[in-house]
Amino acid sequence: MKCKINRNAAKVLKKMLESNEAEGKMIRVYVTHLHGDHAHYDIKLDTPTENDEVVKTDKDIDIILEKDDGFLDGVWIQYFYVPKEEMYITNPSISKGHHH
């Protein structure tokens, strides 16, 4: 499985991982809703299970993805400051995706 993170998102995710509630946890990307050919994604702090794959990224942040969810393979986590500050999670290999 693959996961990409842009530089802005890496900064935000690293801050999440430095928080007290993040101790012993990692970032999980998961699907919140499916709409035919696209999905809505979200992130949370979590620990991996036997149903997960821990994906190493080029930003030195490991991401938990559920192994059997094809909508997660190839997910791209981006963070934008303009026009408003928001996390934007898509999967270009499947569809246009949707934001967080």
PDB file of N, CA and C in Angstrom:
ATOM      1  N   MET A   1       0.842  -1.186   0.000  1.00  0.00           N
ATOM      2  CA  MET A   1       0.000   0.000   0.000  1.00  0.00           C
ATOM      3  C   MET A   1       0.884   1.244   0.000  1.00  0.00           C
ATOM      4  N   LYS A   2       0.317   2.327  -0.516  1.00  0.00           N
ATOM      5  CA  LYS A   2       1.068   3.571  -0.629  1.00  0.00           C
ATOM      6  C   LYS A   2       0.301   4.722   0.012  1.00  0.00           C
ATOM      7  N   CYS A   3       1.084   5.710   0.475  1.00  0.00           N
ATOM      8  CA  CYS A   3       0.517   6.921   1.054  1.00  0.00           C
ATOM      9  C   CYS A   3       1.509   8.051   0.835  1.00  0.00           C
ATOM     10  N   LYS A   4       1.013   9.191   0.351  1.00  0.00           N
ATOM     11  CA  LYS A   4       1.856  10.368   0.175  1.00  0.00           C
ATOM     12  C   LYS A   4       1.380  11.467   1.113  1.00  0.00           C
ATOM     13  N   ILE A   5       2.333  12.298   1.537  1.00  0.00           N
ATOM     14  CA  ILE A   5       2.027  13.412   2.429  1.00  0.00           C
ATOM     15  C   ILE A   5       2.758  14.649   1.903  1.00  0.00           C
ATOM     16  N   ASN A   6       2.048  15.778   1.763  1.00  0.00           N
ATOM     17  CA  ASN A   6       2.765  16.987   1.361  1.00  0.00           C
ATOM     18  C   ASN A   6       3.447  17.615   2.580  1.00  0.00           C
ATOM     19  N   ARG A   7       4.337  18.571   2.329  1.00  0.00           N
ATOM     20  CA  ARG A   7       5.141  19.152   3.416  1.00  0.00           C
ATOM     21  C   ARG A   7       4.289  19.810   4.495  1.00  0.00           C
ATOM     22  N   ASN A   8       3.255  20.545   4.078  1.00  0.00           N
ATOM     23  CA  ASN A   8       2.390  21.207   5.061  1.00  0.00           C
ATOM     24  C   ASN A   8       1.688  20.185   5.946  1.00  0.00           C
ATOM     25  N   ALA A   9       1.181  19.121   5.334  1.00  0.00           N
ATOM     26  CA  ALA A   9       0.493  18.081   6.114  1.00  0.00           C
ATOM     27  C   ALA A   9       1.471  17.403   7.060  1.00  0.00           C
ATOM     28  N   ALA A  10       2.703  17.190   6.632  1.00  0.00           N
ATOM     29  CA  ALA A  10       3.701  16.555   7.496  1.00  0.00           C
ATOM     30  C   ALA A  10       3.913  17.383   8.759  1.00  0.00           C
ATOM     31  N   LYS A  11       3.955  18.710   8.622  1.00  0.00           N
ATOM     32  CA  LYS A  11       4.126  19.580   9.794  1.00  0.00           C
ATOM     33  C   LYS A  11       2.957  19.420  10.755  1.00  0.00           C
ATOM     34  N   VAL A  12       1.727  19.409  10.222  1.00  0.00           N
ATOM     35  CA  VAL A  12       0.536  19.286  11.055  1.00  0.00           C
ATOM     36  C   VAL A  12       0.494  17.909  11.727  1.00  0.00           C
ATOM     37  N   LEU A  13       0.802  16.853  10.979  1.00  0.00           N
ATOM     38  CA  LEU A  13       0.773  15.497  11.529  1.00  0.00           C
ATOM     39  C   LEU A  13       1.846  15.312  12.597  1.00  0.00           C
ATOM     40  N   LYS A  14       3.020  15.904  12.390  1.00  0.00           N
ATOM     41  CA  LYS A  14       4.083  15.788  13.396  1.00  0.00           C
ATOM     42  C   LYS A  14       3.673  16.478  14.692  1.00  0.00           C
ATOM     43  N   LYS A  15       2.962  17.613  14.584  1.00  0.00           N
ATOM     44  CA  LYS A  15       2.460  18.280  15.790  1.00  0.00           C
ATOM     45  C   LYS A  15       1.455  17.383  16.514  1.00  0.00           C
ATOM     46  N   MET A  16       0.582  16.713  15.755  1.00  0.00           N
ATOM     47  CA  MET A  16      -0.373  15.779  16.369  1.00  0.00           C
ATOM     48  C   MET A  16       0.375  14.686  17.122  1.00  0.00           C
ATOM     49  N   LEU A  17       1.436  14.164  16.505  1.00  0.00           N
ATOM     50  CA  LEU A  17       2.190  13.061  17.103  1.00  0.00           C
ATOM     51  C   LEU A  17       2.996  13.493  18.330  1.00  0.00           C
ATOM     52  N   GLU A  18       3.251  14.795  18.473  1.00  0.00           N
ATOM     53  CA  GLU A  18       3.997  15.301  19.627  1.00  0.00           C
ATOM     54  C   GLU A  18       3.090  15.585  20.823  1.00  0.00           C
ATOM     55  N   SER A  19       1.776  15.499  20.635  1.00  0.00           N
ATOM     56  CA  SER A  19       0.839  15.798  21.723  1.00  0.00           C
ATOM     57  C   SER A  19       0.845  14.672  22.760  1.00  0.00           C
ATOM     58  N   ASN A  20       0.392  14.989  23.970  1.00  0.00           N
ATOM     59  CA  ASN A  20       0.356  13.999  25.057  1.00  0.00           C
ATOM     60  C   ASN A  20      -0.530  12.806  24.724  1.00  0.00           C
ATOM     61  N   GLU A  21      -1.688  13.071  24.087  1.00  0.00           N
ATOM     62  CA  GLU A  21      -2.612  11.976  23.765  1.00  0.00           C
ATOM     63  C   GLU A  21      -2.086  11.058  22.667  1.00  0.00           C
ATOM     64  N   ALA A  22      -1.006  11.469  21.990  1.00  0.00           N
ATOM     65  CA  ALA A  22      -0.448  10.661  20.903  1.00  0.00           C
ATOM     66  C   ALA A  22       0.556   9.622  21.395  1.00  0.00           C
ATOM     67  N   GLU A  23       0.878   9.629  22.670  1.00  0.00           N
ATOM     68  CA  GLU A  23       1.908   8.727  23.176  1.00  0.00           C
ATOM     69  C   GLU A  23       1.584   7.266  22.850  1.00  0.00           C
ATOM     70  N   GLY A  24       2.496   6.615  22.142  1.00  0.00           N
ATOM     71  CA  GLY A  24       2.321   5.216  21.766  1.00  0.00           C
ATOM     72  C   GLY A  24       1.379   5.005  20.590  1.00  0.00           C
ATOM     73  N   LYS A  25       0.950   6.093  19.948  1.00  0.00           N
ATOM     74  CA  LYS A  25       0.002   5.982  18.837  1.00  0.00           C
ATOM     75  C   LYS A  25       0.601   6.489  17.541  1.00  0.00           C
ATOM     76  N   MET A  26      -0.099   6.205  16.455  1.00  0.00           N
ATOM     77  CA  MET A  26       0.318   6.624  15.119  1.00  0.00           C
ATOM     78  C   MET A  26      -0.880   7.288  14.440  1.00  0.00           C
ATOM     79  N   ILE A  27      -0.651   7.828  13.252  1.00  0.00           N
ATOM     80  CA  ILE A  27      -1.720   8.436  12.462  1.00  0.00           C
ATOM     81  C   ILE A  27      -2.412   7.349  11.639  1.00  0.00           C
ATOM     82  N   ARG A  28      -3.736   7.307  11.720  1.00  0.00           N
ATOM     83  CA  ARG A  28      -4.530   6.397  10.890  1.00  0.00           C
ATOM     84  C   ARG A  28      -5.348   7.240   9.910  1.00  0.00           C
ATOM     85  N   VAL A  29      -5.341   6.824   8.634  1.00  0.00           N
ATOM     86  CA  VAL A  29      -6.255   7.375   7.639  1.00  0.00           C
ATOM     87  C   VAL A  29      -7.335   6.327   7.437  1.00  0.00           C
ATOM     88  N   TYR A  30      -8.589   6.772   7.450  1.00  0.00           N
ATOM     89  CA  TYR A  30      -9.685   5.824   7.289  1.00  0.00           C
ATOM     90  C   TYR A  30     -10.796   6.453   6.450  1.00  0.00           C
ATOM     91  N   VAL A  31     -11.651   5.589   5.914  1.00  0.00           N
ATOM     92  CA  VAL A  31     -12.778   6.019   5.097  1.00  0.00           C
ATOM     93  C   VAL A  31     -13.975   6.267   6.013  1.00  0.00           C
ATOM     94  N   THR A  32     -14.590   7.454   5.887  1.00  0.00           N
ATOM     95  CA  THR A  32     -15.776   7.767   6.685  1.00  0.00           C
ATOM     96  C   THR A  32     -17.062   7.491   5.910  1.00  0.00           C
ATOM     97  N   HIS A  33     -17.051   7.737   4.598  1.00  0.00           N
ATOM     98  CA  HIS A  33     -18.230   7.502   3.750  1.00  0.00           C
ATOM     99  C   HIS A  33     -17.766   7.060   2.368  1.00  0.00           C
ATOM    100  N   LEU A  34     -18.528   6.179   1.755  1.00  0.00           N
ATOM    101  CA  LEU A  34     -18.298   5.790   0.359  1.00  0.00           C
ATOM    102  C   LEU A  34     -19.467   6.293  -0.478  1.00  0.00           C
ATOM    103  N   HIS A  35     -19.143   6.861  -1.624  1.00  0.00           N
ATOM    104  CA  HIS A  35     -20.165   7.341  -2.562  1.00  0.00           C
ATOM    105  C   HIS A  35     -19.806   6.819  -3.948  1.00  0.00           C
ATOM    106  N   GLY A  36     -20.149   5.588  -4.232  1.00  0.00           N
ATOM    107  CA  GLY A  36     -19.871   5.028  -5.557  1.00  0.00           C
ATOM    108  C   GLY A  36     -18.385   4.948  -5.838  1.00  0.00           C
ATOM    109  N   ASP A  37     -17.880   5.884  -6.660  1.00  0.00           N
ATOM    110  CA  ASP A  37     -16.483   5.821  -7.094  1.00  0.00           C
ATOM    111  C   ASP A  37     -15.547   6.674  -6.255  1.00  0.00           C
ATOM    112  N   HIS A  38     -16.034   7.297  -5.182  1.00  0.00           N
ATOM    113  CA  HIS A  38     -15.130   8.091  -4.351  1.00  0.00           C
ATOM    114  C   HIS A  38     -15.469   7.929  -2.874  1.00  0.00           C
ATOM    115  N   ALA A  39     -14.519   8.322  -2.059  1.00  0.00           N
ATOM    116  CA  ALA A  39     -14.656   8.156  -0.613  1.00  0.00           C
ATOM    117  C   ALA A  39     -14.361   9.465   0.098  1.00  0.00           C
ATOM    118  N   HIS A  40     -14.872   9.570   1.303  1.00  0.00           N
ATOM    119  CA  HIS A  40     -14.519  10.663   2.216  1.00  0.00           C
ATOM    120  C   HIS A  40     -13.570  10.069   3.251  1.00  0.00           C
ATOM    121  N   TYR A  41     -12.513  10.797   3.559  1.00  0.00           N
ATOM    122  CA  TYR A  41     -11.474  10.300   4.460  1.00  0.00           C
ATOM    123  C   TYR A  41     -11.365  11.163   5.693  1.00  0.00           C
ATOM    124  N   ASP A  42     -10.774  10.587   6.730  1.00  0.00           N
ATOM    125  CA  ASP A  42     -10.458  11.351   7.933  1.00  0.00           C
ATOM    126  C   ASP A  42      -9.193  10.748   8.534  1.00  0.00           C
ATOM    127  N   ILE A  43      -8.646  11.431   9.535  1.00  0.00           N
ATOM    128  CA  ILE A  43      -7.455  10.930  10.230  1.00  0.00           C
ATOM    129  C   ILE A  43      -7.724  10.933  11.724  1.00  0.00           C
ATOM    130  N   LYS A  44      -7.012  10.059  12.429  1.00  0.00           N
ATOM    131  CA  LYS A  44      -7.086  10.030  13.886  1.00  0.00           C
ATOM    132  C   LYS A  44      -5.825   9.359  14.423  1.00  0.00           C
ATOM    133  N   LEU A  45      -5.608   9.519  15.708  1.00  0.00           N
ATOM    134  CA  LEU A  45      -4.521   8.832  16.394  1.00  0.00           C
ATOM    135  C   LEU A  45      -5.023   7.438  16.761  1.00  0.00           C
ATOM    136  N   ASP A  46      -4.213   6.412  16.516  1.00  0.00           N
ATOM    137  CA  ASP A  46      -4.660   5.043  16.737  1.00  0.00           C
ATOM    138  C   ASP A  46      -3.447   4.132  16.848  1.00  0.00           C
ATOM    139  N   THR A  47      -3.704   2.874  17.160  1.00  0.00           N
ATOM    140  CA  THR A  47      -2.652   1.848  17.153  1.00  0.00           C
ATOM    141  C   THR A  47      -3.025   0.790  16.117  1.00  0.00           C
ATOM    142  N   PRO A  48      -2.038   0.232  15.421  1.00  0.00           N
ATOM    143  CA  PRO A  48      -2.343  -0.750  14.373  1.00  0.00           C
ATOM    144  C   PRO A  48      -2.849  -2.076  14.940  1.00  0.00           C
ATOM    145  N   THR A  49      -3.669  -2.756  14.146  1.00  0.00           N
ATOM    146  CA  THR A  49      -4.165  -4.087  14.477  1.00  0.00           C
ATOM    147  C   THR A  49      -3.657  -5.064  13.424  1.00  0.00           C
ATOM    148  N   GLU A  50      -4.038  -6.320  13.543  1.00  0.00           N
ATOM    149  CA  GLU A  50      -3.609  -7.317  12.563  1.00  0.00           C
ATOM    150  C   GLU A  50      -4.252  -7.090  11.198  1.00  0.00           C
ATOM    151  N   ASN A  51      -5.290  -6.251  11.113  1.00  0.00           N
ATOM    152  CA  ASN A  51      -5.950  -5.950   9.843  1.00  0.00           C
ATOM    153  C   ASN A  51      -5.332  -4.754   9.129  1.00  0.00           C
ATOM    154  N   ASP A  52      -4.260  -4.217   9.693  1.00  0.00           N
ATOM    155  CA  ASP A  52      -3.669  -2.983   9.169  1.00  0.00           C
ATOM    156  C   ASP A  52      -2.291  -3.209   8.565  1.00  0.00           C
ATOM    157  N   GLU A  53      -1.910  -2.239   7.746  1.00  0.00           N
ATOM    158  CA  GLU A  53      -0.542  -2.159   7.250  1.00  0.00           C
ATOM    159  C   GLU A  53       0.001  -0.800   7.671  1.00  0.00           C
ATOM    160  N   VAL A  54       1.220  -0.789   8.189  1.00  0.00           N
ATOM    161  CA  VAL A  54       1.872   0.466   8.545  1.00  0.00           C
ATOM    162  C   VAL A  54       2.737   0.863   7.351  1.00  0.00           C
ATOM    163  N   VAL A  55       2.390   2.007   6.753  1.00  0.00           N
ATOM    164  CA  VAL A  55       3.042   2.464   5.530  1.00  0.00           C
ATOM    165  C   VAL A  55       4.053   3.539   5.879  1.00  0.00           C
ATOM    166  N   LYS A  56       5.283   3.348   5.439  1.00  0.00           N
ATOM    167  CA  LYS A  56       6.331   4.353   5.638  1.00  0.00           C
ATOM    168  C   LYS A  56       6.211   5.394   4.526  1.00  0.00           C
ATOM    169  N   THR A  57       6.329   6.663   4.891  1.00  0.00           N
ATOM    170  CA  THR A  57       6.251   7.739   3.902  1.00  0.00           C
ATOM    171  C   THR A  57       7.607   8.428   3.778  1.00  0.00           C
ATOM    172  N   ASP A  58       7.736   9.246   2.748  1.00  0.00           N
ATOM    173  CA  ASP A  58       8.990   9.974   2.546  1.00  0.00           C
ATOM    174  C   ASP A  58       9.144  11.144   3.512  1.00  0.00           C
ATOM    175  N   LYS A  59       8.152  11.374   4.373  1.00  0.00           N
ATOM    176  CA  LYS A  59       8.218  12.463   5.358  1.00  0.00           C
ATOM    177  C   LYS A  59       8.525  11.932   6.761  1.00  0.00           C
ATOM    178  N   ASP A  60       8.986  10.684   6.863  1.00  0.00           N
ATOM    179  CA  ASP A  60       9.327  10.060   8.147  1.00  0.00           C
ATOM    180  C   ASP A  60       8.136   9.983   9.100  1.00  0.00           C
ATOM    181  N   ILE A  61       6.957   9.811   8.531  1.00  0.00           N
ATOM    182  CA  ILE A  61       5.748   9.605   9.331  1.00  0.00           C
ATOM    183  C   ILE A  61       5.137   8.292   8.856  1.00  0.00           C
ATOM    184  N   ASP A  62       4.920   7.370   9.785  1.00  0.00           N
ATOM    185  CA  ASP A  62       4.273   6.110   9.440  1.00  0.00           C
ATOM    186  C   ASP A  62       2.764   6.288   9.544  1.00  0.00           C
ATOM    187  N   ILE A  63       2.046   5.757   8.561  1.00  0.00           N
ATOM    188  CA  ILE A  63       0.596   5.890   8.488  1.00  0.00           C
ATOM    189  C   ILE A  63      -0.032   4.501   8.565  1.00  0.00           C
ATOM    190  N   ILE A  64      -1.086   4.377   9.376  1.00  0.00           N
ATOM    191  CA  ILE A  64      -1.828   3.115   9.473  1.00  0.00           C
ATOM    192  C   ILE A  64      -2.932   3.122   8.424  1.00  0.00           C
ATOM    193  N   LEU A  65      -2.972   2.064   7.589  1.00  0.00           N
ATOM    194  CA  LEU A  65      -4.044   1.878   6.608  1.00  0.00           C
ATOM    195  C   LEU A  65      -4.620   0.482   6.777  1.00  0.00           C
ATOM    196  N   GLU A  66      -5.936   0.341   6.677  1.00  0.00           N
ATOM    197  CA  GLU A  66      -6.564  -0.970   6.745  1.00  0.00           C
ATOM    198  C   GLU A  66      -6.248  -1.732   5.460  1.00  0.00           C
ATOM    199  N   LYS A  67      -5.701  -2.951   5.607  1.00  0.00           N
ATOM    200  CA  LYS A  67      -5.201  -3.735   4.470  1.00  0.00           C
ATOM    201  C   LYS A  67      -6.230  -3.976   3.372  1.00  0.00           C
ATOM    202  N   ASP A  68      -7.442  -4.309   3.741  1.00  0.00           N
ATOM    203  CA  ASP A  68      -8.426  -4.751   2.760  1.00  0.00           C
ATOM    204  C   ASP A  68      -9.253  -3.623   2.151  1.00  0.00           C
ATOM    205  N   ASP A  69      -8.916  -2.378   2.442  1.00  0.00           N
ATOM    206  CA  ASP A  69      -9.698  -1.258   1.915  1.00  0.00           C
ATOM    207  C   ASP A  69      -8.967  -0.639   0.724  1.00  0.00           C
ATOM    208  N   GLY A  70      -9.413  -0.984  -0.485  1.00  0.00           N
ATOM    209  CA  GLY A  70      -8.786  -0.489  -1.705  1.00  0.00           C
ATOM    210  C   GLY A  70      -8.838   1.013  -1.863  1.00  0.00           C
ATOM    211  N   PHE A  71      -9.788   1.672  -1.201  1.00  0.00           N
ATOM    212  CA  PHE A  71      -9.870   3.128  -1.286  1.00  0.00           C
ATOM    213  C   PHE A  71      -8.712   3.801  -0.547  1.00  0.00           C
ATOM    214  N   LEU A  72      -8.008   3.069   0.319  1.00  0.00           N
ATOM    215  CA  LEU A  72      -6.896   3.648   1.079  1.00  0.00           C
ATOM    216  C   LEU A  72      -5.555   3.518   0.368  1.00  0.00           C
ATOM    217  N   ASP A  73      -5.413   2.548  -0.527  1.00  0.00           N
ATOM    218  CA  ASP A  73      -4.135   2.342  -1.209  1.00  0.00           C
ATOM    219  C   ASP A  73      -3.896   3.465  -2.201  1.00  0.00           C
ATOM    220  N   GLY A  74      -2.879   4.272  -1.954  1.00  0.00           N
ATOM    221  CA  GLY A  74      -2.564   5.399  -2.824  1.00  0.00           C
ATOM    222  C   GLY A  74      -3.091   6.726  -2.302  1.00  0.00           C
ATOM    223  N   VAL A  75      -3.548   6.751  -1.056  1.00  0.00           N
ATOM    224  CA  VAL A  75      -4.115   7.972  -0.490  1.00  0.00           C
ATOM    225  C   VAL A  75      -3.044   9.061  -0.387  1.00  0.00           C
ATOM    226  N   TRP A  76      -3.482  10.310  -0.579  1.00  0.00           N
ATOM    227  CA  TRP A  76      -2.586  11.465  -0.565  1.00  0.00           C
ATOM    228  C   TRP A  76      -3.119  12.456   0.456  1.00  0.00           C
ATOM    229  N   ILE A  77      -2.307  12.730   1.494  1.00  0.00           N
ATOM    230  CA  ILE A  77      -2.686  13.650   2.564  1.00  0.00           C
ATOM    231  C   ILE A  77      -2.023  14.993   2.286  1.00  0.00           C
ATOM    232  N   GLN A  78      -2.854  16.023   2.136  1.00  0.00           N
ATOM    233  CA  GLN A  78      -2.340  17.364   1.875  1.00  0.00           C
ATOM    234  C   GLN A  78      -2.934  18.329   2.901  1.00  0.00           C
ATOM    235  N   TYR A  79      -2.205  19.393   3.153  1.00  0.00           N
ATOM    236  CA  TYR A  79      -2.714  20.446   4.029  1.00  0.00           C
ATOM    237  C   TYR A  79      -2.534  21.766   3.306  1.00  0.00           C
ATOM    238  N   PHE A  80      -3.596  22.554   3.277  1.00  0.00           N
ATOM    239  CA  PHE A  80      -3.548  23.844   2.602  1.00  0.00           C
ATOM    240  C   PHE A  80      -3.855  24.962   3.587  1.00  0.00           C
ATOM    241  N   TYR A  81      -3.202  26.101   3.383  1.00  0.00           N
ATOM    242  CA  TYR A  81      -3.447  27.280   4.203  1.00  0.00           C
ATOM    243  C   TYR A  81      -4.407  28.252   3.518  1.00  0.00           C
ATOM    244  N   VAL A  82      -4.534  28.128   2.190  1.00  0.00           N
ATOM    245  CA  VAL A  82      -5.363  29.029   1.397  1.00  0.00           C
ATOM    246  C   VAL A  82      -6.269  28.183   0.512  1.00  0.00           C
ATOM    247  N   PRO A  83      -7.533  28.471   0.302  1.00  0.00           N
ATOM    248  CA  PRO A  83      -8.251  29.649   0.780  1.00  0.00           C
ATOM    249  C   PRO A  83      -8.592  29.577   2.264  1.00  0.00           C
ATOM    250  N   LYS A  84      -8.570  28.377   2.854  1.00  0.00           N
ATOM    251  CA  LYS A  84      -8.732  28.256   4.303  1.00  0.00           C
ATOM    252  C   LYS A  84      -7.851  27.107   4.760  1.00  0.00           C
ATOM    253  N   GLU A  85      -7.517  27.117   6.041  1.00  0.00           N
ATOM    254  CA  GLU A  85      -6.682  26.037   6.559  1.00  0.00           C
ATOM    255  C   GLU A  85      -7.512  24.769   6.659  1.00  0.00           C
ATOM    256  N   GLU A  86      -7.050  23.717   5.948  1.00  0.00           N
ATOM    257  CA  GLU A  86      -7.760  22.448   6.014  1.00  0.00           C
ATOM    258  C   GLU A  86      -6.880  21.302   5.530  1.00  0.00           C
ATOM    259  N   MET A  87      -7.167  20.136   6.084  1.00  0.00           N
ATOM    260  CA  MET A  87      -6.552  18.899   5.644  1.00  0.00           C
ATOM    261  C   MET A  87      -7.366  18.426   4.443  1.00  0.00           C
ATOM    262  N   TYR A  88      -6.688  17.989   3.395  1.00  0.00           N
ATOM    263  CA  TYR A  88      -7.358  17.524   2.183  1.00  0.00           C
ATOM    264  C   TYR A  88      -6.802  16.145   1.866  1.00  0.00           C
ATOM    265  N   ILE A  89      -7.650  15.136   1.933  1.00  0.00           N
ATOM    266  CA  ILE A  89      -7.211  13.754   1.726  1.00  0.00           C
ATOM    267  C   ILE A  89      -7.917  13.213   0.494  1.00  0.00           C
ATOM    268  N   THR A  90      -7.133  12.766  -0.483  1.00  0.00           N
ATOM    269  CA  THR A  90      -7.678  12.228  -1.723  1.00  0.00           C
ATOM    270  C   THR A  90      -6.989  10.924  -2.068  1.00  0.00           C
ATOM    271  N   ASN A  91      -7.528  10.241  -3.047  1.00  0.00           N
ATOM    272  CA  ASN A  91      -6.866   9.061  -3.602  1.00  0.00           C
ATOM    273  C   ASN A  91      -6.915   9.199  -5.117  1.00  0.00           C
ATOM    274  N   PRO A  92      -5.876   9.820  -5.702  1.00  0.00           N
ATOM    275  CA  PRO A  92      -5.879  10.073  -7.140  1.00  0.00           C
ATOM    276  C   PRO A  92      -5.921   8.793  -7.983  1.00  0.00           C
ATOM    277  N   SER A  93      -5.524   7.669  -7.425  1.00  0.00           N
ATOM    278  CA  SER A  93      -5.527   6.434  -8.205  1.00  0.00           C
ATOM    279  C   SER A  93      -6.940   5.867  -8.367  1.00  0.00           C
ATOM    280  N   ILE A  94      -7.890   6.346  -7.564  1.00  0.00           N
ATOM    281  CA  ILE A  94      -9.263   5.839  -7.644  1.00  0.00           C
ATOM    282  C   ILE A  94     -10.211   6.889  -8.195  1.00  0.00           C
ATOM    283  N   SER A  95     -10.170   8.079  -7.631  1.00  0.00           N
ATOM    284  CA  SER A  95     -11.109   9.121  -8.047  1.00  0.00           C
ATOM    285  C   SER A  95     -10.580  10.466  -7.591  1.00  0.00           C
ATOM    286  N   LYS A  96     -11.408  11.463  -7.753  1.00  0.00           N
ATOM    287  CA  LYS A  96     -11.039  12.789  -7.277  1.00  0.00           C
ATOM    288  C   LYS A  96     -10.961  12.851  -5.765  1.00  0.00           C
ATOM    289  N   GLY A  97     -11.665  11.955  -5.089  1.00  0.00           N
ATOM    290  CA  GLY A  97     -11.599  11.919  -3.637  1.00  0.00           C
ATOM    291  C   GLY A  97     -12.360  13.043  -2.974  1.00  0.00           C
ATOM    292  N   HIS A  98     -12.187  13.148  -1.694  1.00  0.00           N
ATOM    293  CA  HIS A  98     -12.868  14.187  -0.939  1.00  0.00           C
ATOM    294  C   HIS A  98     -12.002  14.628   0.214  1.00  0.00           C
ATOM    295  N   HIS A  99     -12.296  15.822   0.712  1.00  0.00           N
ATOM    296  CA  HIS A  99     -11.451  16.371   1.778  1.00  0.00           C
ATOM    297  C   HIS A  99     -11.924  15.951   3.146  1.00  0.00           C
ATOM    298  N   HIS A 100     -11.061  16.215   4.103  1.00  0.00           N
ATOM    299  CA  HIS A 100     -11.258  15.890   5.522  1.00  0.00           C
ATOM    300  C   HIS A 100     -12.113  16.949   6.167  1.00  0.00           C
TER     301      HIS A 100
END
